[in-house]
Structures are given as structure tokens and as C-alpha cells.
């Protein structure tokens, strides 16, 4: 009788433990999705920080580099375009919108790089404390963008892997049918080509 009682208790424990063990798997899809969306919010936060620095940078450069009007205009236009293209956490599953957003941010990065290269010709500007502070903040922001993008890519990798591997794919199909893979950043065209250095 004692043996039968023990077997019943073990079976009852297994019946209770099995669903509880599966709860972690059941919650994995929304957990990974929430983590990826939070990382995406940080990417957007850092891009916004950069966009907020640009008007001050442009105003500072404008006072010194009057011949750089075309470059300044390109930066202002690229900033306007980058802030108009919106991809929020609910649309990171849309490849076309994500591509537009990524492209607009890349264009802004390119315009800023051209501006910073062009100011090398203006020693007074390079010595200006406001410009130096803005340049330092911009460099720090670019580093933050890089880290935020890396963290987002890793969170999306975990989420997308959960959606495509078993048992996560089964759980997603049954309990979260609206869950879709998220987009991630790709290297800009030509990024794999090293620049040519001429002496």
C-alpha cells in the first residue's frame, strides 16, 4: 500500500510539473518579442539623440564655413528625411518600411561624415569649443547607436530563432499566430569594400 501511495505521489508530481516546465517555453515567444522591441526603442532613442544634435552642429559650422552651404543643406535634408521615416516596434516586421528607415539613417550618417571631413579646412572652427563639444557628443552618440543596433540584432536573433525552431515554432503557431519574424540591420552597400589609400 505504501509503495502504491508513493507511485501515486510521483505520478501526481509529474502531472503537475510537466505543464509548469512548459510555461517557460510558452512564454518564450512574447518574452523574446518584448526584449527585441525594447532594444528597438533604444535604437530609435539613439537615432533621435543624433537628430537632436544636428541643428546645433549645423548652426555652429554655418558661422565659420560659409563655403560649405551645399554640405550643410545635404545634412539638413538628410536629417529631415530620416526623421520623417518612422518604424516603431509594431512595424519592425515590415521589410520595406525597415529598409526605408535604415536607408534614411545611412544617408544621414553619410551626410554627417562629409560635413565633418569638410570642416577640416577650417582651423578656427576646429578650435571652437562649441564645435568640439558637439563633435564629441556626436561621436559618443554614433558609438551608442552602434551598441544599440548590436543589442537589437542579438535580441531579434533570439526572437526569430524561437519562432523557427521546435518547440518555439509550435508554441508560436498555436498560441501566438500573429508573431512574425522581425527585420534586422544589414551592412550598407559597399561596406565590405575597404577604402583605397593613396600616398
C-alpha atoms as a PDB file:
ATOM      1  CA  UNK A   1       0.000   0.000   0.000  1.00  0.00           C
ATOM      2  CA  UNK A   2       2.847   2.392   0.852  1.00  0.00           C
ATOM      3  CA  UNK A   3       4.505   1.645  -2.483  1.00  0.00           C
ATOM      4  CA  UNK A   4       1.260   2.339  -4.340  1.00  0.00           C
ATOM      5  CA  UNK A   5       0.897   5.616  -2.451  1.00  0.00           C
ATOM      6  CA  UNK A   6       4.414   6.667  -3.352  1.00  0.00           C
ATOM      7  CA  UNK A   7       3.900   5.848  -7.029  1.00  0.00           C
ATOM      8  CA  UNK A   8       0.694   7.923  -6.993  1.00  0.00           C
ATOM      9  CA  UNK A   9       2.515  10.862  -5.441  1.00  0.00           C
ATOM     10  CA  UNK A  10       5.324  10.645  -8.012  1.00  0.00           C
ATOM     11  CA  UNK A  11       2.808  10.481 -10.874  1.00  0.00           C
ATOM     12  CA  UNK A  12       0.851  13.407  -9.432  1.00  0.00           C
ATOM     13  CA  UNK A  13       4.072  15.414  -9.137  1.00  0.00           C
ATOM     14  CA  UNK A  14       4.944  14.626 -12.757  1.00  0.00           C
ATOM     15  CA  UNK A  15       1.465  15.634 -13.944  1.00  0.00           C
ATOM     16  CA  UNK A  16       1.805  18.948 -12.128  1.00  0.00           C
ATOM     17  CA  UNK A  17       5.471  19.530 -13.057  1.00  0.00           C
ATOM     18  CA  UNK A  18       5.141  18.874 -16.803  1.00  0.00           C
ATOM     19  CA  UNK A  19       2.836  21.846 -17.563  1.00  0.00           C
ATOM     20  CA  UNK A  20       4.808  24.090 -15.238  1.00  0.00           C
ATOM     21  CA  UNK A  21       8.033  23.221 -17.068  1.00  0.00           C
ATOM     22  CA  UNK A  22       6.313  24.093 -20.338  1.00  0.00           C
ATOM     23  CA  UNK A  23       5.300  27.546 -19.063  1.00  0.00           C
ATOM     24  CA  UNK A  24       8.789  28.838 -19.706  1.00  0.00           C
ATOM     25  CA  UNK A  25       8.554  27.626 -23.273  1.00  0.00           C
ATOM     26  CA  UNK A  26       5.035  29.000 -23.665  1.00  0.00           C
ATOM     27  CA  UNK A  27       6.174  32.441 -22.542  1.00  0.00           C
ATOM     28  CA  UNK A  28       9.404  32.457 -24.558  1.00  0.00           C
ATOM     29  CA  UNK A  29       7.879  33.953 -27.731  1.00  0.00           C
ATOM     30  CA  UNK A  30       6.302  37.021 -26.069  1.00  0.00           C
ATOM     31  CA  UNK A  31       9.325  37.416 -23.788  1.00  0.00           C
ATOM     32  CA  UNK A  32      11.786  37.481 -26.697  1.00  0.00           C
ATOM     33  CA  UNK A  33       9.452  39.738 -28.657  1.00  0.00           C
ATOM     34  CA  UNK A  34       9.246  42.217 -25.777  1.00  0.00           C
ATOM     35  CA  UNK A  35      13.035  42.191 -25.392  1.00  0.00           C
ATOM     36  CA  UNK A  36      13.550  42.843 -29.118  1.00  0.00           C
ATOM     37  CA  UNK A  37      11.020  45.699 -29.076  1.00  0.00           C
ATOM     38  CA  UNK A  38      12.740  47.230 -26.053  1.00  0.00           C
ATOM     39  CA  UNK A  39      16.090  47.058 -27.864  1.00  0.00           C
ATOM     40  CA  UNK A  40      14.457  48.647 -30.922  1.00  0.00           C
ATOM     41  CA  UNK A  41      13.214  51.501 -28.733  1.00  0.00           C
ATOM     42  CA  UNK A  42      16.813  52.104 -27.641  1.00  0.00           C
ATOM     43  CA  UNK A  43      17.971  52.190 -31.277  1.00  0.00           C
ATOM     44  CA  UNK A  44      15.315  54.822 -32.005  1.00  0.00           C
ATOM     45  CA  UNK A  45      16.302  56.729 -28.871  1.00  0.00           C
ATOM     46  CA  UNK A  46      19.921  56.974 -30.014  1.00  0.00           C
ATOM     47  CA  UNK A  47      18.958  57.988 -33.553  1.00  0.00           C
ATOM     48  CA  UNK A  48      16.744  60.702 -32.053  1.00  0.00           C
ATOM     49  CA  UNK A  49      19.634  61.883 -29.890  1.00  0.00           C
ATOM     50  CA  UNK A  50      21.729  62.253 -33.037  1.00  0.00           C
ATOM     51  CA  UNK A  51      18.936  64.097 -34.846  1.00  0.00           C
ATOM     52  CA  UNK A  52      18.646  66.498 -31.891  1.00  0.00           C
ATOM     53  CA  UNK A  53      22.378  67.320 -32.031  1.00  0.00           C
ATOM     54  CA  UNK A  54      22.418  68.128 -35.747  1.00  0.00           C
ATOM     55  CA  UNK A  55      20.722  71.580 -35.708  1.00  0.00           C
ATOM     56  CA  UNK A  56      23.307  72.877 -33.204  1.00  0.00           C
ATOM     57  CA  UNK A  57      26.153  71.372 -35.222  1.00  0.00           C
ATOM     58  CA  UNK A  58      24.850  72.906 -38.449  1.00  0.00           C
ATOM     59  CA  UNK A  59      24.400  76.316 -36.803  1.00  0.00           C
ATOM     60  CA  UNK A  60      27.954  76.228 -35.415  1.00  0.00           C
ATOM     61  CA  UNK A  61      29.503  75.192 -38.725  1.00  0.00           C
ATOM     62  CA  UNK A  62      27.428  77.727 -40.675  1.00  0.00           C
ATOM     63  CA  UNK A  63      29.070  80.575 -38.780  1.00  0.00           C
ATOM     64  CA  UNK A  64      32.551  79.520 -39.891  1.00  0.00           C
ATOM     65  CA  UNK A  65      32.279  77.524 -43.076  1.00  0.00           C
ATOM     66  CA  UNK A  66      30.321  79.742 -45.435  1.00  0.00           C
ATOM     67  CA  UNK A  67      31.597  77.811 -48.458  1.00  0.00           C
ATOM     68  CA  UNK A  68      30.074  74.577 -47.207  1.00  0.00           C
ATOM     69  CA  UNK A  69      26.466  75.572 -47.837  1.00  0.00           C
ATOM     70  CA  UNK A  70      25.828  72.570 -50.100  1.00  0.00           C
ATOM     71  CA  UNK A  71      27.139  70.127 -47.498  1.00  0.00           C
ATOM     72  CA  UNK A  72      25.109  71.810 -44.755  1.00  0.00           C
ATOM     73  CA  UNK A  73      21.994  71.625 -46.923  1.00  0.00           C
ATOM     74  CA  UNK A  74      22.601  67.906 -47.509  1.00  0.00           C
ATOM     75  CA  UNK A  75      22.862  67.309 -43.750  1.00  0.00           C
ATOM     76  CA  UNK A  76      19.663  69.255 -43.044  1.00  0.00           C
ATOM     77  CA  UNK A  77      17.779  67.447 -45.820  1.00  0.00           C
ATOM     78  CA  UNK A  78      19.082  64.041 -44.722  1.00  0.00           C
ATOM     79  CA  UNK A  79      18.026  64.787 -41.128  1.00  0.00           C
ATOM     80  CA  UNK A  80      14.549  65.816 -42.295  1.00  0.00           C
ATOM     81  CA  UNK A  81      14.214  62.632 -44.337  1.00  0.00           C
ATOM     82  CA  UNK A  82      15.499  60.444 -41.500  1.00  0.00           C
ATOM     83  CA  UNK A  83      13.038  61.905 -39.006  1.00  0.00           C
ATOM     84  CA  UNK A  84      10.106  61.523 -41.417  1.00  0.00           C
ATOM     85  CA  UNK A  85      10.587  57.786 -41.935  1.00  0.00           C
ATOM     86  CA  UNK A  86       9.118  56.072 -38.887  1.00  0.00           C
ATOM     87  CA  UNK A  87       9.440  52.444 -37.938  1.00  0.00           C
ATOM     88  CA  UNK A  88       8.086  51.729 -34.485  1.00  0.00           C
ATOM     89  CA  UNK A  89       8.112  48.496 -32.528  1.00  0.00           C
ATOM     90  CA  UNK A  90       4.877  47.343 -34.154  1.00  0.00           C
ATOM     91  CA  UNK A  91       6.246  47.608 -37.685  1.00  0.00           C
ATOM     92  CA  UNK A  92       9.732  46.102 -37.369  1.00  0.00           C
ATOM     93  CA  UNK A  93       8.253  43.074 -39.101  1.00  0.00           C
ATOM     94  CA  UNK A  94       7.694  45.089 -42.314  1.00  0.00           C
ATOM     95  CA  UNK A  95      10.786  44.628 -44.522  1.00  0.00           C
ATOM     96  CA  UNK A  96      10.006  47.590 -46.808  1.00  0.00           C
ATOM     97  CA  UNK A  97       9.469  50.130 -44.006  1.00  0.00           C
ATOM     98  CA  UNK A  98      12.507  48.831 -42.155  1.00  0.00           C
ATOM     99  CA  UNK A  99      14.619  49.178 -45.299  1.00  0.00           C
ATOM    100  CA  UNK A 100      13.405  52.776 -45.810  1.00  0.00           C
ATOM    101  CA  UNK A 101      14.257  53.652 -42.213  1.00  0.00           C
ATOM    102  CA  UNK A 102      17.688  52.043 -42.383  1.00  0.00           C
ATOM    103  CA  UNK A 103      18.432  53.746 -45.719  1.00  0.00           C
ATOM    104  CA  UNK A 104      17.416  57.181 -44.405  1.00  0.00           C
ATOM    105  CA  UNK A 105      19.653  56.757 -41.339  1.00  0.00           C
ATOM    106  CA  UNK A 106      22.557  55.647 -43.562  1.00  0.00           C
ATOM    107  CA  UNK A 107      22.115  58.715 -45.762  1.00  0.00           C
ATOM    108  CA  UNK A 108      22.200  60.925 -42.680  1.00  0.00           C
ATOM    109  CA  UNK A 109      25.365  59.189 -41.459  1.00  0.00           C
ATOM    110  CA  UNK A 110      26.970  59.784 -44.867  1.00  0.00           C
ATOM    111  CA  UNK A 111      25.997  63.461 -44.919  1.00  0.00           C
ATOM    112  CA  UNK A 112      27.371  63.956 -41.409  1.00  0.00           C
ATOM    113  CA  UNK A 113      30.629  62.248 -42.367  1.00  0.00           C
ATOM    114  CA  UNK A 114      31.013  64.543 -45.387  1.00  0.00           C
ATOM    115  CA  UNK A 115      30.351  67.574 -43.180  1.00  0.00           C
ATOM    116  CA  UNK A 116      32.920  66.536 -40.594  1.00  0.00           C
ATOM    117  CA  UNK A 117      35.507  65.906 -43.315  1.00  0.00           C
ATOM    118  CA  UNK A 118      34.832  69.291 -44.915  1.00  0.00           C
ATOM    119  CA  UNK A 119      35.375  71.198 -41.644  1.00  0.00           C
ATOM    120  CA  UNK A 120      38.979  70.008 -41.618  1.00  0.00           C
ATOM    121  CA  UNK A 121      39.669  73.012 -43.881  1.00  0.00           C
ATOM    122  CA  UNK A 122      38.595  75.479 -41.170  1.00  0.00           C
ATOM    123  CA  UNK A 123      41.135  75.648 -38.333  1.00  0.00           C
ATOM    124  CA  UNK A 124      39.137  78.321 -36.468  1.00  0.00           C
ATOM    125  CA  UNK A 125      36.078  76.073 -36.463  1.00  0.00           C
ATOM    126  CA  UNK A 126      38.101  73.055 -35.346  1.00  0.00           C
ATOM    127  CA  UNK A 127      39.322  75.111 -32.370  1.00  0.00           C
ATOM    128  CA  UNK A 128      35.817  76.375 -31.447  1.00  0.00           C
ATOM    129  CA  UNK A 129      34.746  74.951 -28.067  1.00  0.00           C
ATOM    130  CA  UNK A 130      31.088  74.599 -29.103  1.00  0.00           C
ATOM    131  CA  UNK A 131      32.080  72.677 -32.211  1.00  0.00           C
ATOM    132  CA  UNK A 132      34.459  70.436 -30.275  1.00  0.00           C
ATOM    133  CA  UNK A 133      31.771  69.675 -27.681  1.00  0.00           C
ATOM    134  CA  UNK A 134      29.197  68.931 -30.380  1.00  0.00           C
ATOM    135  CA  UNK A 135      31.650  66.774 -32.300  1.00  0.00           C
ATOM    136  CA  UNK A 136      32.441  64.828 -29.130  1.00  0.00           C
ATOM    137  CA  UNK A 137      28.736  64.340 -28.360  1.00  0.00           C
ATOM    138  CA  UNK A 138      28.113  63.229 -31.936  1.00  0.00           C
ATOM    139  CA  UNK A 139      30.961  60.706 -31.793  1.00  0.00           C
ATOM    140  CA  UNK A 140      29.615  59.373 -28.493  1.00  0.00           C
ATOM    141  CA  UNK A 141      26.143  59.118 -29.992  1.00  0.00           C
ATOM    142  CA  UNK A 142      27.450  57.225 -33.023  1.00  0.00           C
ATOM    143  CA  UNK A 143      29.057  54.750 -30.605  1.00  0.00           C
ATOM    144  CA  UNK A 144      25.769  54.437 -28.699  1.00  0.00           C
ATOM    145  CA  UNK A 145      23.933  53.838 -31.967  1.00  0.00           C
ATOM    146  CA  UNK A 146      26.377  51.074 -32.809  1.00  0.00           C
ATOM    147  CA  UNK A 147      25.903  49.397 -29.422  1.00  0.00           C
ATOM    148  CA  UNK A 148      22.099  49.775 -29.562  1.00  0.00           C
ATOM    149  CA  UNK A 149      21.995  48.274 -33.047  1.00  0.00           C
ATOM    150  CA  UNK A 150      24.198  45.355 -31.938  1.00  0.00           C
ATOM    151  CA  UNK A 151      21.929  44.686 -28.939  1.00  0.00           C
ATOM    152  CA  UNK A 152      18.836  44.893 -31.148  1.00  0.00           C
ATOM    153  CA  UNK A 153      20.326  42.480 -33.686  1.00  0.00           C
ATOM    154  CA  UNK A 154      21.055  39.972 -30.911  1.00  0.00           C
ATOM    155  CA  UNK A 155      17.533  40.296 -29.442  1.00  0.00           C
ATOM    156  CA  UNK A 156      15.981  39.814 -32.892  1.00  0.00           C
ATOM    157  CA  UNK A 157      18.202  36.791 -33.496  1.00  0.00           C
ATOM    158  CA  UNK A 158      16.903  35.168 -30.285  1.00  0.00           C
ATOM    159  CA  UNK A 159      13.284  36.023 -31.138  1.00  0.00           C
ATOM    160  CA  UNK A 160      13.486  34.886 -34.774  1.00  0.00           C
ATOM    161  CA  UNK A 161      15.251  31.683 -33.714  1.00  0.00           C
ATOM    162  CA  UNK A 162      12.477  30.965 -31.224  1.00  0.00           C
ATOM    163  CA  UNK A 163       9.896  31.396 -33.997  1.00  0.00           C
ATOM    164  CA  UNK A 164      11.660  28.995 -36.342  1.00  0.00           C
ATOM    165  CA  UNK A 165      12.857  26.198 -34.062  1.00  0.00           C
ATOM    166  CA  UNK A 166      10.921  23.483 -32.282  1.00  0.00           C
ATOM    167  CA  UNK A 167       9.172  23.692 -29.828  1.00  0.00           C
ATOM    168  CA  UNK A 168       9.017  27.502 -30.122  1.00  0.00           C
ATOM    169  CA  UNK A 169       7.628  27.313 -33.658  1.00  0.00           C
ATOM    170  CA  UNK A 170       4.800  25.051 -32.452  1.00  0.00           C
ATOM    171  CA  UNK A 171       4.007  27.306 -29.494  1.00  0.00           C
ATOM    172  CA  UNK A 172       4.016  30.383 -31.759  1.00  0.00           C
ATOM    173  CA  UNK A 173       1.780  28.724 -34.333  1.00  0.00           C
ATOM    174  CA  UNK A 174      -0.778  27.632 -31.721  1.00  0.00           C
ATOM    175  CA  UNK A 175      -0.692  30.440 -29.141  1.00  0.00           C
ATOM    176  CA  UNK A 176       0.807  33.421 -30.993  1.00  0.00           C
ATOM    177  CA  UNK A 177      -0.275  33.140 -34.650  1.00  0.00           C
ATOM    178  CA  UNK A 178       0.324  36.868 -35.241  1.00  0.00           C
ATOM    179  CA  UNK A 179       4.011  36.594 -34.256  1.00  0.00           C
ATOM    180  CA  UNK A 180       6.211  37.337 -37.266  1.00  0.00           C
ATOM    181  CA  UNK A 181       9.982  37.440 -37.664  1.00  0.00           C
ATOM    182  CA  UNK A 182      11.495  40.879 -37.136  1.00  0.00           C
ATOM    183  CA  UNK A 183      13.809  42.699 -39.509  1.00  0.00           C
ATOM    184  CA  UNK A 184      17.389  43.449 -38.634  1.00  0.00           C
ATOM    185  CA  UNK A 185      20.116  45.721 -39.918  1.00  0.00           C
ATOM    186  CA  UNK A 186      22.305  44.720 -42.811  1.00  0.00           C
ATOM    187  CA  UNK A 187      25.619  46.238 -43.780  1.00  0.00           C
ATOM    188  CA  UNK A 188      25.318  49.193 -46.130  1.00  0.00           C
ATOM    189  CA  UNK A 189      26.112  48.566 -49.768  1.00  0.00           C
ATOM    190  CA  UNK A 190      29.849  48.750 -50.329  1.00  0.00           C
ATOM    191  CA  UNK A 191      30.650  48.498 -46.603  1.00  0.00           C
ATOM    192  CA  UNK A 192      32.635  45.315 -47.156  1.00  0.00           C
ATOM    193  CA  UNK A 193      34.967  47.094 -49.597  1.00  0.00           C
ATOM    194  CA  UNK A 194      37.959  48.657 -47.891  1.00  0.00           C
ATOM    195  CA  UNK A 195      38.691  52.243 -48.913  1.00  0.00           C
ATOM    196  CA  UNK A 196      41.640  52.823 -51.202  1.00  0.00           C
ATOM    197  CA  UNK A 197      44.515  54.653 -49.564  1.00  0.00           C
ATOM    198  CA  UNK A 198      46.811  56.671 -51.849  1.00  0.00           C
ATOM    199  CA  UNK A 199      50.123  58.170 -50.796  1.00  0.00           C
END
